[in-house]
C-alpha atoms as a PDB file:
ATOM      1  CA  MET A   1       1.624  30.228 -12.303  1.00  0.00           C
ATOM      2  CA  GLU A   2      -1.190  32.606 -11.358  1.00  0.00           C
ATOM      3  CA  ARG A   3       0.020  36.167 -10.746  1.00  0.00           C
ATOM      4  CA  ASN A   4      -1.417  36.743  -7.322  1.00  0.00           C
ATOM      5  CA  TRP A   5      -1.188  33.129  -6.060  1.00  0.00           C
ATOM      6  CA  GLN A   6       0.343  32.811  -2.388  1.00  0.00           C
ATOM      7  CA  THR A   7       1.192  29.768  -0.431  1.00  0.00           C
ATOM      8  CA  GLY A   8      -1.936  28.524   1.191  1.00  0.00           C
ATOM      9  CA  ASP A   9      -4.121  29.243  -1.721  1.00  0.00           C
ATOM     10  CA  PRO A  10      -5.541  26.390  -3.599  1.00  0.00           C
ATOM     11  CA  LEU A  11      -3.464  24.794  -6.283  1.00  0.00           C
ATOM     12  CA  PRO A  12      -3.460  27.052  -9.472  1.00  0.00           C
ATOM     13  CA  MET A  13      -5.985  25.535 -12.089  1.00  0.00           C
ATOM     14  CA  ALA A  14      -6.921  22.867  -9.531  1.00  0.00           C
ATOM     15  CA  GLU A  15     -10.285  22.162 -11.469  1.00  0.00           C
ATOM     16  CA  GLN A  16      -8.252  21.198 -14.545  1.00  0.00           C
ATOM     17  CA  ALA A  17      -5.486  19.271 -12.792  1.00  0.00           C
ATOM     18  CA  GLU A  18      -4.113  16.286 -14.821  1.00  0.00           C
ATOM     19  CA  ILE A  19      -3.982  12.855 -12.977  1.00  0.00           C
ATOM     20  CA  ASP A  20      -2.786   9.853 -14.774  1.00  0.00           C
ATOM     21  CA  PRO A  21      -4.293   6.943 -13.181  1.00  0.00           C
ATOM     22  CA  ARG A  22      -0.918   4.821 -13.734  1.00  0.00           C
ATOM     23  CA  LYS A  23       0.590   6.966 -11.011  1.00  0.00           C
ATOM     24  CA  PHE A  24      -1.571   4.644  -8.690  1.00  0.00           C
ATOM     25  CA  THR A  25      -2.161   1.554 -10.617  1.00  0.00           C
ATOM     26  CA  GLU A  26       1.217   0.922 -11.834  1.00  0.00           C
ATOM     27  CA  TYR A  27       3.398   2.804  -9.299  1.00  0.00           C
ATOM     28  CA  SER A  28       2.136   3.454  -5.628  1.00  0.00           C
ATOM     29  CA  MET A  29      -0.546   0.668  -5.494  1.00  0.00           C
ATOM     30  CA  ASN A  30       1.542  -2.006  -7.384  1.00  0.00           C
ATOM     31  CA  ARG A  31       3.454  -3.963  -4.684  1.00  0.00           C
ATOM     32  CA  LEU A  32       5.498  -5.509  -7.814  1.00  0.00           C
ATOM     33  CA  ASN A  33       6.959  -2.273  -8.571  1.00  0.00           C
ATOM     34  CA  PRO A  34      10.442  -2.014  -6.965  1.00  0.00           C
ATOM     35  CA  ASN A  35      10.508   1.669  -6.948  1.00  0.00           C
ATOM     36  CA  ASN A  36       7.540   2.446  -5.012  1.00  0.00           C
ATOM     37  CA  LYS A  37       9.189   2.120  -1.646  1.00  0.00           C
ATOM     38  CA  GLY A  38       6.466   0.269  -0.141  1.00  0.00           C
ATOM     39  CA  LYS A  39       3.752   3.002  -0.819  1.00  0.00           C
ATOM     40  CA  TRP A  40       1.187   0.231  -1.458  1.00  0.00           C
ATOM     41  CA  ARG A  41       1.123  -0.853   2.290  1.00  0.00           C
ATOM     42  CA  ALA A  42      -0.917   2.389   3.192  1.00  0.00           C
ATOM     43  CA  PHE A  43      -3.545   1.620   0.559  1.00  0.00           C
ATOM     44  CA  ILE A  44      -4.103  -1.922   1.915  1.00  0.00           C
ATOM     45  CA  ALA A  45      -4.292  -0.404   5.493  1.00  0.00           C
ATOM     46  CA  LEU A  46      -7.175   1.804   4.233  1.00  0.00           C
ATOM     47  CA  GLY A  47      -9.102  -1.328   2.892  1.00  0.00           C
ATOM     48  CA  TYR A  48      -8.056  -1.158  -0.801  1.00  0.00           C
ATOM     49  CA  ASN A  49      -7.537  -4.354  -2.683  1.00  0.00           C
ATOM     50  CA  ILE A  50      -4.743  -4.044  -4.927  1.00  0.00           C
ATOM     51  CA  ASP A  51      -3.989  -7.473  -5.780  1.00  0.00           C
ATOM     52  CA  SER A  52      -5.153  -7.413  -9.454  1.00  0.00           C
ATOM     53  CA  SER A  53      -4.944  -4.686 -12.074  1.00  0.00           C
ATOM     54  CA  GLN A  54      -8.741  -4.521 -11.950  1.00  0.00           C
ATOM     55  CA  ASP A  55      -8.542  -4.080  -8.024  1.00  0.00           C
ATOM     56  CA  ARG A  56      -5.967  -1.281  -8.584  1.00  0.00           C
ATOM     57  CA  GLN A  57      -8.135   0.268 -11.206  1.00  0.00           C
ATOM     58  CA  ARG A  58     -11.078   0.491  -8.717  1.00  0.00           C
ATOM     59  CA  ALA A  59      -9.090   1.663  -6.027  1.00  0.00           C
ATOM     60  CA  ALA A  60      -7.497   4.460  -8.202  1.00  0.00           C
ATOM     61  CA  GLU A  61     -10.911   5.633  -9.321  1.00  0.00           C
ATOM     62  CA  SER A  62     -11.931   6.107  -5.617  1.00  0.00           C
ATOM     63  CA  ILE A  63      -8.735   8.027  -4.961  1.00  0.00           C
ATOM     64  CA  ILE A  64      -8.843  10.300  -8.070  1.00  0.00           C
ATOM     65  CA  SER A  65     -12.487  10.991  -7.215  1.00  0.00           C
ATOM     66  CA  GLN A  66     -11.578  12.218  -3.792  1.00  0.00           C
ATOM     67  CA  ILE A  67      -8.652  14.190  -5.130  1.00  0.00           C
ATOM     68  CA  ARG A  68     -10.686  15.974  -7.761  1.00  0.00           C
ATOM     69  CA  SER A  69     -13.491  16.772  -5.241  1.00  0.00           C
ATOM     70  CA  ARG A  70     -11.145  18.324  -2.687  1.00  0.00           C
ATOM     71  CA  LEU A  71      -8.264  19.643  -4.662  1.00  0.00           C
ATOM     72  CA  PRO A  72      -9.904  23.124  -5.406  1.00  0.00           C
ATOM     73  CA  GLU A  73     -10.378  23.898  -1.912  1.00  0.00           C
ATOM     74  CA  LEU A  74      -7.267  22.656  -0.179  1.00  0.00           C
ATOM     75  CA  PRO A  75      -4.150  24.814   0.585  1.00  0.00           C
ATOM     76  CA  ALA A  76      -1.108  24.314  -1.681  1.00  0.00           C
ATOM     77  CA  ASP A  77       2.488  24.854  -0.721  1.00  0.00           C
ATOM     78  CA  LEU A  78       4.872  25.974  -3.452  1.00  0.00           C
ATOM     79  CA  LYS A  79       8.247  23.939  -3.359  1.00  0.00           C
ATOM     80  CA  GLU A  80      11.641  24.788  -4.814  1.00  0.00           C
ATOM     81  CA  PRO A  81      11.110  24.984  -8.652  1.00  0.00           C
ATOM     82  CA  SER A  82      12.821  22.289 -10.795  1.00  0.00           C
ATOM     83  CA  GLU A  83      14.265  22.805 -14.210  1.00  0.00           C
ATOM     84  CA  TYR A  84      10.974  21.508 -15.513  1.00  0.00           C
ATOM     85  CA  GLY A  85       8.638  23.896 -13.699  1.00  0.00           C
ATOM     86  CA  SER A  86       6.851  24.941 -10.499  1.00  0.00           C
ATOM     87  CA  ARG A  87       6.196  22.271  -7.960  1.00  0.00           C
ATOM     88  CA  TYR A  88       3.410  22.287  -5.405  1.00  0.00           C
ATOM     89  CA  THR A  89       2.384  19.849  -2.521  1.00  0.00           C
ATOM     90  CA  VAL A  90      -1.200  19.355  -1.298  1.00  0.00           C
ATOM     91  CA  ASN A  91      -2.333  17.107   1.364  1.00  0.00           C
ATOM     92  CA  VAL A  92      -5.624  15.477   0.521  1.00  0.00           C
ATOM     93  CA  PRO A  93      -7.785  13.636   3.065  1.00  0.00           C
ATOM     94  CA  ILE A  94      -8.736  10.331   1.812  1.00  0.00           C
ATOM     95  CA  ILE A  95     -11.395   7.894   3.196  1.00  0.00           C
ATOM     96  CA  GLY A  96     -10.547   4.178   2.484  1.00  0.00           C
ATOM     97  CA  PHE A  97     -12.937   1.505   1.619  1.00  0.00           C
ATOM     98  CA  ASN A  98     -13.006   0.600   5.359  1.00  0.00           C
ATOM     99  CA  ASP A  99     -13.720   4.121   6.339  1.00  0.00           C
ATOM    100  CA  LEU A 100     -10.303   4.734   7.896  1.00  0.00           C
ATOM    101  CA  GLN A 101      -8.716   7.985   6.929  1.00  0.00           C
ATOM    102  CA  GLY A 102      -5.423   8.707   5.376  1.00  0.00           C
ATOM    103  CA  ILE A 103      -3.681  11.905   4.205  1.00  0.00           C
ATOM    104  CA  LEU A 104      -2.454  11.473   0.635  1.00  0.00           C
ATOM    105  CA  GLU A 105       0.560  13.856  -0.075  1.00  0.00           C
ATOM    106  CA  THR A 106       0.380  14.844  -3.582  1.00  0.00           C
ATOM    107  CA  THR A 107       3.099  16.628  -5.605  1.00  0.00           C
ATOM    108  CA  TRP A 108       1.973  18.640  -8.787  1.00  0.00           C
ATOM    109  CA  GLN A 109       3.975  20.287 -11.325  1.00  0.00           C
ATOM    110  CA  ILE A 110       3.152  23.022 -13.605  1.00  0.00           C
ATOM    111  CA  ASP A 111       5.550  22.612 -16.611  1.00  0.00           C
ATOM    112  CA  LYS A 112       7.345  25.620 -18.046  1.00  0.00           C
ATOM    113  CA  ASP A 113       5.284  27.327 -20.675  1.00  0.00           C
ATOM    114  CA  LYS A 114       2.210  25.492 -19.520  1.00  0.00           C
ATOM    115  CA  GLN A 115      -0.638  26.472 -17.083  1.00  0.00           C
ATOM    116  CA  ILE A 116      -2.186  23.118 -15.890  1.00  0.00           C
ATOM    117  CA  PRO A 117      -0.725  21.378 -12.975  1.00  0.00           C
ATOM    118  CA  ARG A 118      -0.119  17.423 -13.188  1.00  0.00           C
ATOM    119  CA  LEU A 119       0.197  14.834 -10.535  1.00  0.00           C
ATOM    120  CA  ILE A 120       4.005  13.719 -10.463  1.00  0.00           C
ATOM    121  CA  THR A 121       3.937  11.658  -7.325  1.00  0.00           C
ATOM    122  CA  ASN A 122       2.035  10.733  -4.186  1.00  0.00           C
ATOM    123  CA  TRP A 123       2.601   9.241  -0.679  1.00  0.00           C
ATOM    124  CA  LEU A 124      -0.450   7.912   1.477  1.00  0.00           C
ATOM    125  CA  LYS A 125      -0.049   8.251   5.303  1.00  0.00           C
ATOM    126  CA  VAL A 126      -2.696   6.403   7.429  1.00  0.00           C
ATOM    127  CA  VAL A 127      -4.105   8.664  10.163  1.00  0.00           C
ATOM    128  CA  GLN A 128      -3.872   6.817  13.637  1.00  0.00           C
ATOM    129  CA  LYS A 129      -6.969   6.604  15.528  1.00  0.00           C
END
């Protein structure tokens, strides 16, 4: 963790954050994954087609691009540390393929003895208009 970091500052090393596309394609966007607790429903509400692996890949590319462009400027909140490292939450505004907006709550971890954050989970909430 950066020495002078404070809650509300951007995620440390945000420009280098690691985002595994499988967090979306195989987990949160995959309605066949029994462990995603219905996360896929919000992606459909924002106009993302998640029926095939190619569709999920296309949707994930859009989401990851939006995360990467916004992450360095958004405030992060430091959560309780885990045995694995420091955890942060960042709420990222997302624009869907149908131009509706959502807030993607992302959780990041900086593993012990490392400096680069990695995405560990996400939850998309549709903004009601």
